[in-house]
């Protein structure tokens, strides 16, 4: 293959399996840490323009007010005055006509009607005299209503300005928080990439077996770490060279008792027949051999080690293995 395969040479099958954990560039593969959940960005503030809309509606009321006009007929107060003055005029006319009739022996006369009408007209003239006063009162009310609307408009304007200033402050805080969070995320991502690269190199060059915490910090999966360590063991001769991959269920080592080989203290109590049979039919002989190596290798005799290696080599080449009697 054209690409340089990290610090150690990988066989094609192993390299292809490891592509899921790397990005292939123009040169050597670059490690890619698994995705890490980052805190969600705070929600942007939303400007509430209800006060501005209320102010706009009030402005329409102010500008759409018509000019001042006064019509006594539409003034309830004028109606009260009118009823009073008409009643007083009639009473004055009646009294005057009665006094005139007494002077003529109880008979009505044109004189009595004339002076009675004069009294009635005089009373109604008093009604006309109150119209200017009522006009002034109505004008004052018109002016007061305009002043009240203007005060409300200005008050709403001040409240709307304050609300907008608060919104701008919140928006500025949000923008700062978002920028800070993005910087934190970028820093965390860079650190994670660095940790991944360092752990990748450490495992590939020393066969180091990282802890769960180290894997989590680097964003590396256990499968990727196992593949790297497995390849290191192959390159250093601690693991037989692989020729292929099997296709049977995975291996769970068992140690139920002696396998009948009657070794010495080394390897005693290990069911080597079951171990090699399971390894020989494993779907992932690399992983199962690594498990046996880590857990049992130091306890095996040289003869048992040879049987395990033989089972592994058969499994990687053919996918099946029949233990020797």
C-alpha atoms as a PDB file:
ATOM      1  CA  UNK A   1       0.000   0.000   0.000  1.00  0.00           C
ATOM      2  CA  UNK A   2       1.194   3.533  -0.736  1.00  0.00           C
ATOM      3  CA  UNK A   3       0.530   5.101   2.676  1.00  0.00           C
ATOM      4  CA  UNK A   4       3.102   4.858   5.458  1.00  0.00           C
ATOM      5  CA  UNK A   5       1.438   2.903   8.252  1.00  0.00           C
ATOM      6  CA  UNK A   6       2.256   4.848  11.406  1.00  0.00           C
ATOM      7  CA  UNK A   7       5.465   4.087  13.342  1.00  0.00           C
ATOM      8  CA  UNK A   8       5.261   0.340  12.684  1.00  0.00           C
ATOM      9  CA  UNK A   9       4.512  -1.575   9.503  1.00  0.00           C
ATOM     10  CA  UNK A  10       1.018  -3.045   9.478  1.00  0.00           C
ATOM     11  CA  UNK A  11      -0.224  -5.858   7.311  1.00  0.00           C
ATOM     12  CA  UNK A  12      -2.963  -4.839   4.889  1.00  0.00           C
ATOM     13  CA  UNK A  13      -5.834  -6.501   6.775  1.00  0.00           C
ATOM     14  CA  UNK A  14      -4.890  -4.920  10.071  1.00  0.00           C
ATOM     15  CA  UNK A  15      -4.387  -1.552   8.438  1.00  0.00           C
ATOM     16  CA  UNK A  16      -7.835  -1.683   6.835  1.00  0.00           C
ATOM     17  CA  UNK A  17      -9.396  -2.575  10.199  1.00  0.00           C
ATOM     18  CA  UNK A  18      -7.727   0.409  11.776  1.00  0.00           C
ATOM     19  CA  UNK A  19      -8.936   2.865   9.144  1.00  0.00           C
ATOM     20  CA  UNK A  20     -12.140   3.182  11.118  1.00  0.00           C
ATOM     21  CA  UNK A  21     -10.107   4.867  13.850  1.00  0.00           C
ATOM     22  CA  UNK A  22      -7.972   7.095  11.594  1.00  0.00           C
ATOM     23  CA  UNK A  23      -8.202   9.619   8.795  1.00  0.00           C
ATOM     24  CA  UNK A  24      -6.019   8.916   5.780  1.00  0.00           C
ATOM     25  CA  UNK A  25      -4.344  12.023   4.452  1.00  0.00           C
ATOM     26  CA  UNK A  26      -1.666  12.614   1.891  1.00  0.00           C
ATOM     27  CA  UNK A  27       0.942  11.344   4.338  1.00  0.00           C
ATOM     28  CA  UNK A  28       0.548   9.206   7.455  1.00  0.00           C
ATOM     29  CA  UNK A  29      -2.879   8.533   8.985  1.00  0.00           C
ATOM     30  CA  UNK A  30      -3.930  11.152  11.502  1.00  0.00           C
ATOM     31  CA  UNK A  31      -5.743   9.960  14.650  1.00  0.00           C
ATOM     32  CA  UNK A  32      -9.339  11.045  15.096  1.00  0.00           C
ATOM     33  CA  UNK A  33     -10.745  11.102  18.635  1.00  0.00           C
ATOM     34  CA  UNK A  34     -14.320   9.986  19.105  1.00  0.00           C
ATOM     35  CA  UNK A  35     -16.953  12.710  19.444  1.00  0.00           C
ATOM     36  CA  UNK A  36     -17.306  14.250  22.862  1.00  0.00           C
ATOM     37  CA  UNK A  37     -20.473  15.962  23.965  1.00  0.00           C
ATOM     38  CA  UNK A  38     -19.930  19.668  24.579  1.00  0.00           C
ATOM     39  CA  UNK A  39     -22.199  22.026  26.511  1.00  0.00           C
ATOM     40  CA  UNK A  40     -24.899  23.525  24.345  1.00  0.00           C
ATOM     41  CA  UNK A  41     -24.597  27.217  23.595  1.00  0.00           C
ATOM     42  CA  UNK A  42     -26.884  29.515  25.603  1.00  0.00           C
ATOM     43  CA  UNK A  43     -30.034  30.671  23.859  1.00  0.00           C
ATOM     44  CA  UNK A  44     -29.857  34.119  22.297  1.00  0.00           C
ATOM     45  CA  UNK A  45     -32.029  36.743  24.025  1.00  0.00           C
ATOM     46  CA  UNK A  46     -35.200  37.831  22.229  1.00  0.00           C
ATOM     47  CA  UNK A  47     -36.181  41.497  22.109  1.00  0.00           C
ATOM     48  CA  UNK A  48     -39.704  42.202  23.380  1.00  0.00           C
ATOM     49  CA  UNK A  49     -41.033  45.181  21.438  1.00  0.00           C
ATOM     50  CA  UNK A  50     -44.455  45.292  23.132  1.00  0.00           C
ATOM     51  CA  UNK A  51     -43.667  48.657  24.783  1.00  0.00           C
ATOM     52  CA  UNK A  52     -42.592  50.115  21.437  1.00  0.00           C
ATOM     53  CA  UNK A  53     -45.834  48.927  19.872  1.00  0.00           C
ATOM     54  CA  UNK A  54     -47.886  50.472  22.687  1.00  0.00           C
ATOM     55  CA  UNK A  55     -45.995  53.731  22.243  1.00  0.00           C
ATOM     56  CA  UNK A  56     -46.639  53.640  18.504  1.00  0.00           C
ATOM     57  CA  UNK A  57     -50.365  53.122  19.072  1.00  0.00           C
ATOM     58  CA  UNK A  58     -50.419  56.040  21.522  1.00  0.00           C
ATOM     59  CA  UNK A  59     -48.595  58.231  19.031  1.00  0.00           C
ATOM     60  CA  UNK A  60     -51.347  57.475  16.547  1.00  0.00           C
ATOM     61  CA  UNK A  61     -53.968  58.629  19.042  1.00  0.00           C
ATOM     62  CA  UNK A  62     -52.075  61.878  19.602  1.00  0.00           C
ATOM     63  CA  UNK A  63     -51.525  62.722  15.944  1.00  0.00           C
ATOM     64  CA  UNK A  64     -55.022  61.676  14.901  1.00  0.00           C
ATOM     65  CA  UNK A  65     -56.791  63.944  17.409  1.00  0.00           C
ATOM     66  CA  UNK A  66     -58.930  66.474  15.630  1.00  0.00           C
ATOM     67  CA  UNK A  67     -58.823  70.232  16.382  1.00  0.00           C
ATOM     68  CA  UNK A  68     -60.790  71.526  19.331  1.00  0.00           C
ATOM     69  CA  UNK A  69     -64.461  72.232  18.605  1.00  0.00           C
ATOM     70  CA  UNK A  70     -67.316  73.056  20.957  1.00  0.00           C
ATOM     71  CA  UNK A  71     -71.050  72.573  20.353  1.00  0.00           C
ATOM     72  CA  UNK A  72     -73.315  73.336  23.350  1.00  0.00           C
ATOM     73  CA  UNK A  73     -75.892  70.882  22.078  1.00  0.00           C
ATOM     74  CA  UNK A  74     -73.387  68.045  22.615  1.00  0.00           C
ATOM     75  CA  UNK A  75     -72.405  69.270  26.095  1.00  0.00           C
ATOM     76  CA  UNK A  76     -74.321  67.474  28.899  1.00  0.00           C
ATOM     77  CA  UNK A  77     -73.489  70.317  31.300  1.00  0.00           C
ATOM     78  CA  UNK A  78     -75.055  72.832  28.939  1.00  0.00           C
ATOM     79  CA  UNK A  79     -78.207  70.704  28.903  1.00  0.00           C
ATOM     80  CA  UNK A  80     -78.404  70.884  32.688  1.00  0.00           C
ATOM     81  CA  UNK A  81     -78.005  74.657  32.612  1.00  0.00           C
ATOM     82  CA  UNK A  82     -80.594  74.989  29.855  1.00  0.00           C
ATOM     83  CA  UNK A  83     -83.256  73.036  31.772  1.00  0.00           C
ATOM     84  CA  UNK A  84     -82.637  75.156  34.855  1.00  0.00           C
ATOM     85  CA  UNK A  85     -82.760  78.527  33.038  1.00  0.00           C
ATOM     86  CA  UNK A  86     -85.884  77.588  31.042  1.00  0.00           C
ATOM     87  CA  UNK A  87     -87.647  76.533  34.229  1.00  0.00           C
ATOM     88  CA  UNK A  88     -86.641  79.742  36.009  1.00  0.00           C
ATOM     89  CA  UNK A  89     -87.748  81.832  32.991  1.00  0.00           C
ATOM     90  CA  UNK A  90     -91.184  80.231  32.935  1.00  0.00           C
ATOM     91  CA  UNK A  91     -91.625  80.771  36.646  1.00  0.00           C
ATOM     92  CA  UNK A  92     -90.587  84.435  36.298  1.00  0.00           C
ATOM     93  CA  UNK A  93     -92.970  84.908  33.352  1.00  0.00           C
ATOM     94  CA  UNK A  94     -95.840  83.341  35.313  1.00  0.00           C
ATOM     95  CA  UNK A  95     -95.235  85.504  38.361  1.00  0.00           C
ATOM     96  CA  UNK A  96     -94.982  88.683  36.284  1.00  0.00           C
ATOM     97  CA  UNK A  97     -98.194  87.944  34.368  1.00  0.00           C
ATOM     98  CA  UNK A  98     -99.971  87.188  37.638  1.00  0.00           C
ATOM     99  CA  UNK A  99     -98.918  90.491  39.144  1.00  0.00           C
ATOM    100  CA  UNK A 100    -100.091  92.355  36.018  1.00  0.00           C
ATOM    101  CA  UNK A 101    -103.502  90.602  36.152  1.00  0.00           C
ATOM    102  CA  UNK A 102    -103.936  91.691  39.768  1.00  0.00           C
ATOM    103  CA  UNK A 103    -103.509  95.308  38.701  1.00  0.00           C
ATOM    104  CA  UNK A 104    -106.292  94.953  36.103  1.00  0.00           C
ATOM    105  CA  UNK A 105    -108.790  93.266  38.374  1.00  0.00           C
ATOM    106  CA  UNK A 106    -107.790  89.707  37.491  1.00  0.00           C
ATOM    107  CA  UNK A 107    -108.048  90.021  33.793  1.00  0.00           C
ATOM    108  CA  UNK A 108    -105.178  89.232  31.428  1.00  0.00           C
ATOM    109  CA  UNK A 109    -103.824  91.954  29.246  1.00  0.00           C
ATOM    110  CA  UNK A 110    -101.305  92.441  26.511  1.00  0.00           C
ATOM    111  CA  UNK A 111     -99.179  94.329  28.991  1.00  0.00           C
ATOM    112  CA  UNK A 112     -99.018  91.356  31.300  1.00  0.00           C
ATOM    113  CA  UNK A 113     -97.978  89.048  28.455  1.00  0.00           C
ATOM    114  CA  UNK A 114     -95.339  91.489  27.308  1.00  0.00           C
ATOM    115  CA  UNK A 115     -93.674  91.923  30.685  1.00  0.00           C
ATOM    116  CA  UNK A 116     -93.905  88.146  31.322  1.00  0.00           C
ATOM    117  CA  UNK A 117     -92.139  87.451  28.023  1.00  0.00           C
ATOM    118  CA  UNK A 118     -89.452  89.950  28.980  1.00  0.00           C
ATOM    119  CA  UNK A 119     -88.762  88.058  32.202  1.00  0.00           C
ATOM    120  CA  UNK A 120     -88.569  84.761  30.275  1.00  0.00           C
ATOM    121  CA  UNK A 121     -86.179  86.219  27.720  1.00  0.00           C
ATOM    122  CA  UNK A 122     -84.028  87.686  30.473  1.00  0.00           C
ATOM    123  CA  UNK A 123     -83.668  84.253  32.069  1.00  0.00           C
ATOM    124  CA  UNK A 124     -82.667  82.670  28.752  1.00  0.00           C
ATOM    125  CA  UNK A 125     -80.093  85.428  28.250  1.00  0.00           C
ATOM    126  CA  UNK A 126     -78.454  84.210  31.420  1.00  0.00           C
ATOM    127  CA  UNK A 127     -78.143  80.769  29.751  1.00  0.00           C
ATOM    128  CA  UNK A 128     -76.340  82.337  26.814  1.00  0.00           C
ATOM    129  CA  UNK A 129     -73.967  84.048  29.226  1.00  0.00           C
ATOM    130  CA  UNK A 130     -72.741  80.687  30.619  1.00  0.00           C
ATOM    131  CA  UNK A 131     -71.743  79.336  27.175  1.00  0.00           C
ATOM    132  CA  UNK A 132     -68.305  81.037  27.176  1.00  0.00           C
ATOM    133  CA  UNK A 133     -67.629  79.538  30.594  1.00  0.00           C
ATOM    134  CA  UNK A 134     -68.650  76.076  29.361  1.00  0.00           C
ATOM    135  CA  UNK A 135     -66.509  76.576  26.265  1.00  0.00           C
ATOM    136  CA  UNK A 136     -63.487  77.358  28.423  1.00  0.00           C
ATOM    137  CA  UNK A 137     -64.069  74.304  30.572  1.00  0.00           C
ATOM    138  CA  UNK A 138     -64.355  72.050  27.498  1.00  0.00           C
ATOM    139  CA  UNK A 139     -61.156  73.504  26.039  1.00  0.00           C
ATOM    140  CA  UNK A 140     -59.298  72.909  29.279  1.00  0.00           C
ATOM    141  CA  UNK A 141     -60.481  69.300  29.244  1.00  0.00           C
ATOM    142  CA  UNK A 142     -59.273  68.923  25.641  1.00  0.00           C
ATOM    143  CA  UNK A 143     -55.876  70.301  26.590  1.00  0.00           C
ATOM    144  CA  UNK A 144     -55.663  68.102  29.686  1.00  0.00           C
ATOM    145  CA  UNK A 145     -56.442  65.026  27.599  1.00  0.00           C
ATOM    146  CA  UNK A 146     -53.675  65.929  25.164  1.00  0.00           C
ATOM    147  CA  UNK A 147     -51.219  66.461  28.017  1.00  0.00           C
ATOM    148  CA  UNK A 148     -52.177  63.100  29.537  1.00  0.00           C
ATOM    149  CA  UNK A 149     -51.621  61.298  26.247  1.00  0.00           C
ATOM    150  CA  UNK A 150     -48.249  63.001  25.812  1.00  0.00           C
ATOM    151  CA  UNK A 151     -47.173  62.045  29.333  1.00  0.00           C
ATOM    152  CA  UNK A 152     -48.151  58.425  28.680  1.00  0.00           C
ATOM    153  CA  UNK A 153     -46.254  58.519  25.384  1.00  0.00           C
ATOM    154  CA  UNK A 154     -43.110  59.812  27.071  1.00  0.00           C
ATOM    155  CA  UNK A 155     -43.414  57.304  29.925  1.00  0.00           C
ATOM    156  CA  UNK A 156     -43.763  54.408  27.494  1.00  0.00           C
ATOM    157  CA  UNK A 157     -40.800  55.769  25.531  1.00  0.00           C
ATOM    158  CA  UNK A 158     -38.628  55.765  28.657  1.00  0.00           C
ATOM    159  CA  UNK A 159     -39.717  52.238  29.544  1.00  0.00           C
ATOM    160  CA  UNK A 160     -39.111  51.050  25.974  1.00  0.00           C
ATOM    161  CA  UNK A 161     -35.631  52.638  25.957  1.00  0.00           C
ATOM    162  CA  UNK A 162     -34.795  50.916  29.244  1.00  0.00           C
ATOM    163  CA  UNK A 163     -36.050  47.565  27.945  1.00  0.00           C
ATOM    164  CA  UNK A 164     -33.989  47.953  24.773  1.00  0.00           C
ATOM    165  CA  UNK A 165     -30.865  48.839  26.760  1.00  0.00           C
ATOM    166  CA  UNK A 166     -31.386  45.712  28.871  1.00  0.00           C
ATOM    167  CA  UNK A 167     -31.796  43.657  25.700  1.00  0.00           C
ATOM    168  CA  UNK A 168     -28.550  45.062  24.285  1.00  0.00           C
ATOM    169  CA  UNK A 169     -26.747  44.212  27.524  1.00  0.00           C
ATOM    170  CA  UNK A 170     -28.146  40.678  27.449  1.00  0.00           C
ATOM    171  CA  UNK A 171     -27.219  40.341  23.763  1.00  0.00           C
ATOM    172  CA  UNK A 172     -23.679  41.468  24.497  1.00  0.00           C
ATOM    173  CA  UNK A 173     -23.413  38.990  27.381  1.00  0.00           C
ATOM    174  CA  UNK A 174     -24.763  36.223  25.148  1.00  0.00           C
ATOM    175  CA  UNK A 175     -22.315  37.020  22.373  1.00  0.00           C
ATOM    176  CA  UNK A 176     -19.441  37.020  24.849  1.00  0.00           C
ATOM    177  CA  UNK A 177     -20.610  33.751  26.423  1.00  0.00           C
ATOM    178  CA  UNK A 178     -20.985  32.120  23.008  1.00  0.00           C
ATOM    179  CA  UNK A 179     -17.524  33.233  21.910  1.00  0.00           C
ATOM    180  CA  UNK A 180     -16.056  32.003  25.205  1.00  0.00           C
ATOM    181  CA  UNK A 181     -17.839  28.653  24.890  1.00  0.00           C
ATOM    182  CA  UNK A 182     -16.641  28.215  21.310  1.00  0.00           C
ATOM    183  CA  UNK A 183     -13.087  28.952  22.433  1.00  0.00           C
ATOM    184  CA  UNK A 184     -13.429  26.435  25.274  1.00  0.00           C
ATOM    185  CA  UNK A 185     -14.780  23.818  22.880  1.00  0.00           C
ATOM    186  CA  UNK A 186     -11.941  24.427  20.444  1.00  0.00           C
ATOM    187  CA  UNK A 187      -9.386  24.203  23.241  1.00  0.00           C
ATOM    188  CA  UNK A 188     -10.943  20.987  24.553  1.00  0.00           C
ATOM    189  CA  UNK A 189     -11.002  19.520  21.047  1.00  0.00           C
ATOM    190  CA  UNK A 190      -7.348  20.402  20.460  1.00  0.00           C
ATOM    191  CA  UNK A 191      -6.387  18.896  23.805  1.00  0.00           C
ATOM    192  CA  UNK A 192      -8.369  15.776  22.968  1.00  0.00           C
ATOM    193  CA  UNK A 193      -6.635  15.470  19.620  1.00  0.00           C
ATOM    194  CA  UNK A 194      -3.248  15.880  21.299  1.00  0.00           C
ATOM    195  CA  UNK A 195      -4.127  13.285  23.924  1.00  0.00           C
ATOM    196  CA  UNK A 196      -5.284  10.877  21.212  1.00  0.00           C
ATOM    197  CA  UNK A 197      -2.120  11.357  19.188  1.00  0.00           C
ATOM    198  CA  UNK A 198       0.106  10.868  22.219  1.00  0.00           C
ATOM    199  CA  UNK A 199      -1.737   7.751  23.376  1.00  0.00           C
ATOM    200  CA  UNK A 200      -1.753   6.405  19.823  1.00  0.00           C
ATOM    201  CA  UNK A 201       2.006   6.812  19.589  1.00  0.00           C
ATOM    202  CA  UNK A 202       2.584   5.411  23.083  1.00  0.00           C
ATOM    203  CA  UNK A 203       0.607   2.223  22.441  1.00  0.00           C
ATOM    204  CA  UNK A 204       2.055   1.750  18.968  1.00  0.00           C
ATOM    205  CA  UNK A 205       5.641   2.129  20.161  1.00  0.00           C
ATOM    206  CA  UNK A 206       5.557   0.422  23.575  1.00  0.00           C
ATOM    207  CA  UNK A 207       2.453  -1.763  23.690  1.00  0.00           C
ATOM    208  CA  UNK A 208       1.168   0.318  26.574  1.00  0.00           C
ATOM    209  CA  UNK A 209      -2.210  -0.788  27.932  1.00  0.00           C
ATOM    210  CA  UNK A 210      -4.214   2.365  28.779  1.00  0.00           C
ATOM    211  CA  UNK A 211      -6.807   2.618  31.524  1.00  0.00           C
ATOM    212  CA  UNK A 212     -10.467   3.393  30.891  1.00  0.00           C
ATOM    213  CA  UNK A 213      -9.867   6.934  32.115  1.00  0.00           C
ATOM    214  CA  UNK A 214      -7.015   7.445  29.660  1.00  0.00           C
ATOM    215  CA  UNK A 215      -9.125   6.102  26.796  1.00  0.00           C
ATOM    216  CA  UNK A 216     -11.989   8.428  27.718  1.00  0.00           C
ATOM    217  CA  UNK A 217      -9.675  11.448  27.973  1.00  0.00           C
ATOM    218  CA  UNK A 218      -8.215  10.737  24.540  1.00  0.00           C
ATOM    219  CA  UNK A 219     -11.506   9.750  22.909  1.00  0.00           C
ATOM    220  CA  UNK A 220     -10.090   6.390  21.863  1.00  0.00           C
ATOM    221  CA  UNK A 221     -12.200   3.238  21.834  1.00  0.00           C
ATOM    222  CA  UNK A 222     -11.070   0.062  23.531  1.00  0.00           C
ATOM    223  CA  UNK A 223     -11.159  -1.709  20.154  1.00  0.00           C
ATOM    224  CA  UNK A 224      -8.719   0.810  18.653  1.00  0.00           C
ATOM    225  CA  UNK A 225      -6.346   0.486  21.604  1.00  0.00           C
ATOM    226  CA  UNK A 226      -6.492  -3.326  21.418  1.00  0.00           C
ATOM    227  CA  UNK A 227      -5.727  -3.259  17.700  1.00  0.00           C
ATOM    228  CA  UNK A 228      -2.711  -0.991  18.220  1.00  0.00           C
ATOM    229  CA  UNK A 229      -1.339  -3.055  21.101  1.00  0.00           C
ATOM    230  CA  UNK A 230      -1.974  -6.282  19.198  1.00  0.00           C
ATOM    231  CA  UNK A 231       0.025  -4.994  16.257  1.00  0.00           C
ATOM    232  CA  UNK A 232       2.850  -3.887  18.535  1.00  0.00           C
ATOM    233  CA  UNK A 233       3.006  -7.397  20.021  1.00  0.00           C
ATOM    234  CA  UNK A 234       3.175  -8.872  16.489  1.00  0.00           C
ATOM    235  CA  UNK A 235       5.967  -6.553  15.454  1.00  0.00           C
ATOM    236  CA  UNK A 236       7.974  -7.367  18.567  1.00  0.00           C
ATOM    237  CA  UNK A 237       7.476 -11.128  18.196  1.00  0.00           C
ATOM    238  CA  UNK A 238       5.245 -11.476  21.251  1.00  0.00           C
ATOM    239  CA  UNK A 239       2.261 -12.355  19.068  1.00  0.00           C
ATOM    240  CA  UNK A 240       2.327 -14.687  16.049  1.00  0.00           C
ATOM    241  CA  UNK A 241       2.004 -12.986  12.687  1.00  0.00           C
ATOM    242  CA  UNK A 242      -1.594 -12.894  11.424  1.00  0.00           C
ATOM    243  CA  UNK A 243      -2.554 -14.181   8.000  1.00  0.00           C
ATOM    244  CA  UNK A 244      -6.294 -13.538   7.989  1.00  0.00           C
ATOM    245  CA  UNK A 245      -9.393 -13.410  10.154  1.00  0.00           C
ATOM    246  CA  UNK A 246     -11.783 -16.098  11.357  1.00  0.00           C
ATOM    247  CA  UNK A 247     -15.534 -16.288  11.192  1.00  0.00           C
ATOM    248  CA  UNK A 248     -16.787 -18.177  14.265  1.00  0.00           C
ATOM    249  CA  UNK A 249     -18.119 -17.020  17.645  1.00  0.00           C
ATOM    250  CA  UNK A 250     -15.741 -15.176  20.013  1.00  0.00           C
ATOM    251  CA  UNK A 251     -13.617 -16.965  22.594  1.00  0.00           C
ATOM    252  CA  UNK A 252     -14.152 -17.042  26.348  1.00  0.00           C
ATOM    253  CA  UNK A 253     -11.196 -18.884  27.984  1.00  0.00           C
ATOM    254  CA  UNK A 254     -12.055 -21.567  30.509  1.00  0.00           C
ATOM    255  CA  UNK A 255      -9.887 -23.284  33.121  1.00  0.00           C
ATOM    256  CA  UNK A 256     -12.085 -26.115  34.405  1.00  0.00           C
ATOM    257  CA  UNK A 257      -9.304 -28.570  35.153  1.00  0.00           C
ATOM    258  CA  UNK A 258      -6.344 -30.468  33.821  1.00  0.00           C
ATOM    259  CA  UNK A 259      -6.251 -31.182  30.089  1.00  0.00           C
ATOM    260  CA  UNK A 260      -4.506 -34.497  30.536  1.00  0.00           C
ATOM    261  CA  UNK A 261      -1.093 -33.226  29.432  1.00  0.00           C
ATOM    262  CA  UNK A 262       0.194 -33.690  32.986  1.00  0.00           C
ATOM    263  CA  UNK A 263       2.648 -30.780  32.940  1.00  0.00           C
ATOM    264  CA  UNK A 264       4.583 -29.680  35.954  1.00  0.00           C
ATOM    265  CA  UNK A 265       3.572 -26.790  38.145  1.00  0.00           C
ATOM    266  CA  UNK A 266       3.455 -24.545  35.046  1.00  0.00           C
ATOM    267  CA  UNK A 267       0.195 -24.842  33.123  1.00  0.00           C
ATOM    268  CA  UNK A 268      -1.351 -27.150  35.678  1.00  0.00           C
ATOM    269  CA  UNK A 269      -5.152 -26.813  35.884  1.00  0.00           C
ATOM    270  CA  UNK A 270      -5.499 -25.092  32.483  1.00  0.00           C
ATOM    271  CA  UNK A 271      -7.816 -26.763  29.975  1.00  0.00           C
ATOM    272  CA  UNK A 272      -5.521 -26.255  27.002  1.00  0.00           C
ATOM    273  CA  UNK A 273      -7.726 -28.380  24.720  1.00  0.00           C
ATOM    274  CA  UNK A 274     -10.775 -26.146  25.243  1.00  0.00           C
ATOM    275  CA  UNK A 275      -8.615 -23.052  25.023  1.00  0.00           C
ATOM    276  CA  UNK A 276      -7.118 -23.971  21.659  1.00  0.00           C
ATOM    277  CA  UNK A 277     -10.456 -25.230  20.311  1.00  0.00           C
ATOM    278  CA  UNK A 278     -12.167 -21.950  21.162  1.00  0.00           C
ATOM    279  CA  UNK A 279      -9.292 -19.906  19.794  1.00  0.00           C
ATOM    280  CA  UNK A 280      -9.205 -21.942  16.597  1.00  0.00           C
ATOM    281  CA  UNK A 281     -12.881 -21.200  15.848  1.00  0.00           C
ATOM    282  CA  UNK A 282     -12.887 -17.590  17.065  1.00  0.00           C
ATOM    283  CA  UNK A 283     -14.421 -14.792  15.024  1.00  0.00           C
ATOM    284  CA  UNK A 284     -11.612 -12.520  16.252  1.00  0.00           C
ATOM    285  CA  UNK A 285      -8.474 -14.631  16.878  1.00  0.00           C
ATOM    286  CA  UNK A 286      -6.331 -11.509  17.308  1.00  0.00           C
ATOM    287  CA  UNK A 287      -8.398 -10.287  20.216  1.00  0.00           C
ATOM    288  CA  UNK A 288      -8.711 -13.745  21.817  1.00  0.00           C
ATOM    289  CA  UNK A 289      -5.008 -14.498  21.504  1.00  0.00           C
ATOM    290  CA  UNK A 290      -4.261 -11.157  23.149  1.00  0.00           C
ATOM    291  CA  UNK A 291      -6.604 -12.084  25.984  1.00  0.00           C
ATOM    292  CA  UNK A 292      -4.862 -15.447  26.487  1.00  0.00           C
ATOM    293  CA  UNK A 293      -1.486 -13.765  26.320  1.00  0.00           C
ATOM    294  CA  UNK A 294      -2.360 -11.171  28.957  1.00  0.00           C
ATOM    295  CA  UNK A 295      -4.070 -13.563  31.349  1.00  0.00           C
ATOM    296  CA  UNK A 296      -2.504 -17.036  30.947  1.00  0.00           C
ATOM    297  CA  UNK A 297       0.735 -16.831  28.969  1.00  0.00           C
ATOM    298  CA  UNK A 298       3.081 -16.719  31.915  1.00  0.00           C
ATOM    299  CA  UNK A 299       1.383 -19.803  33.412  1.00  0.00           C
ATOM    300  CA  UNK A 300       1.630 -21.943  30.267  1.00  0.00           C
ATOM    301  CA  UNK A 301       4.338 -24.460  29.520  1.00  0.00           C
ATOM    302  CA  UNK A 302       6.302 -24.174  26.317  1.00  0.00           C
ATOM    303  CA  UNK A 303       4.306 -27.088  24.898  1.00  0.00           C
ATOM    304  CA  UNK A 304       1.024 -25.378  25.744  1.00  0.00           C
ATOM    305  CA  UNK A 305       2.241 -22.117  24.235  1.00  0.00           C
ATOM    306  CA  UNK A 306       3.089 -23.949  21.027  1.00  0.00           C
ATOM    307  CA  UNK A 307      -0.422 -25.427  20.885  1.00  0.00           C
ATOM    308  CA  UNK A 308      -1.993 -21.996  21.388  1.00  0.00           C
ATOM    309  CA  UNK A 309       0.210 -20.489  18.659  1.00  0.00           C
ATOM    310  CA  UNK A 310      -0.656 -23.354  16.345  1.00  0.00           C
ATOM    311  CA  UNK A 311      -4.391 -22.807  16.948  1.00  0.00           C
ATOM    312  CA  UNK A 312      -4.020 -19.096  16.358  1.00  0.00           C
ATOM    313  CA  UNK A 313      -2.123 -19.528  13.099  1.00  0.00           C
ATOM    314  CA  UNK A 314      -4.675 -22.027  11.782  1.00  0.00           C
ATOM    315  CA  UNK A 315      -7.565 -19.743  12.750  1.00  0.00           C
ATOM    316  CA  UNK A 316      -6.118 -16.699  11.027  1.00  0.00           C
ATOM    317  CA  UNK A 317      -5.363 -18.654   7.874  1.00  0.00           C
ATOM    318  CA  UNK A 318      -8.411 -20.887   7.490  1.00  0.00           C
ATOM    319  CA  UNK A 319     -10.983 -19.709  10.020  1.00  0.00           C
ATOM    320  CA  UNK A 320     -11.151 -23.152  11.642  1.00  0.00           C
ATOM    321  CA  UNK A 321      -8.934 -25.390  13.740  1.00  0.00           C
ATOM    322  CA  UNK A 322      -9.084 -28.927  15.032  1.00  0.00           C
ATOM    323  CA  UNK A 323      -7.063 -29.498  18.250  1.00  0.00           C
ATOM    324  CA  UNK A 324      -4.496 -32.285  18.039  1.00  0.00           C
ATOM    325  CA  UNK A 325      -5.051 -35.230  20.388  1.00  0.00           C
END
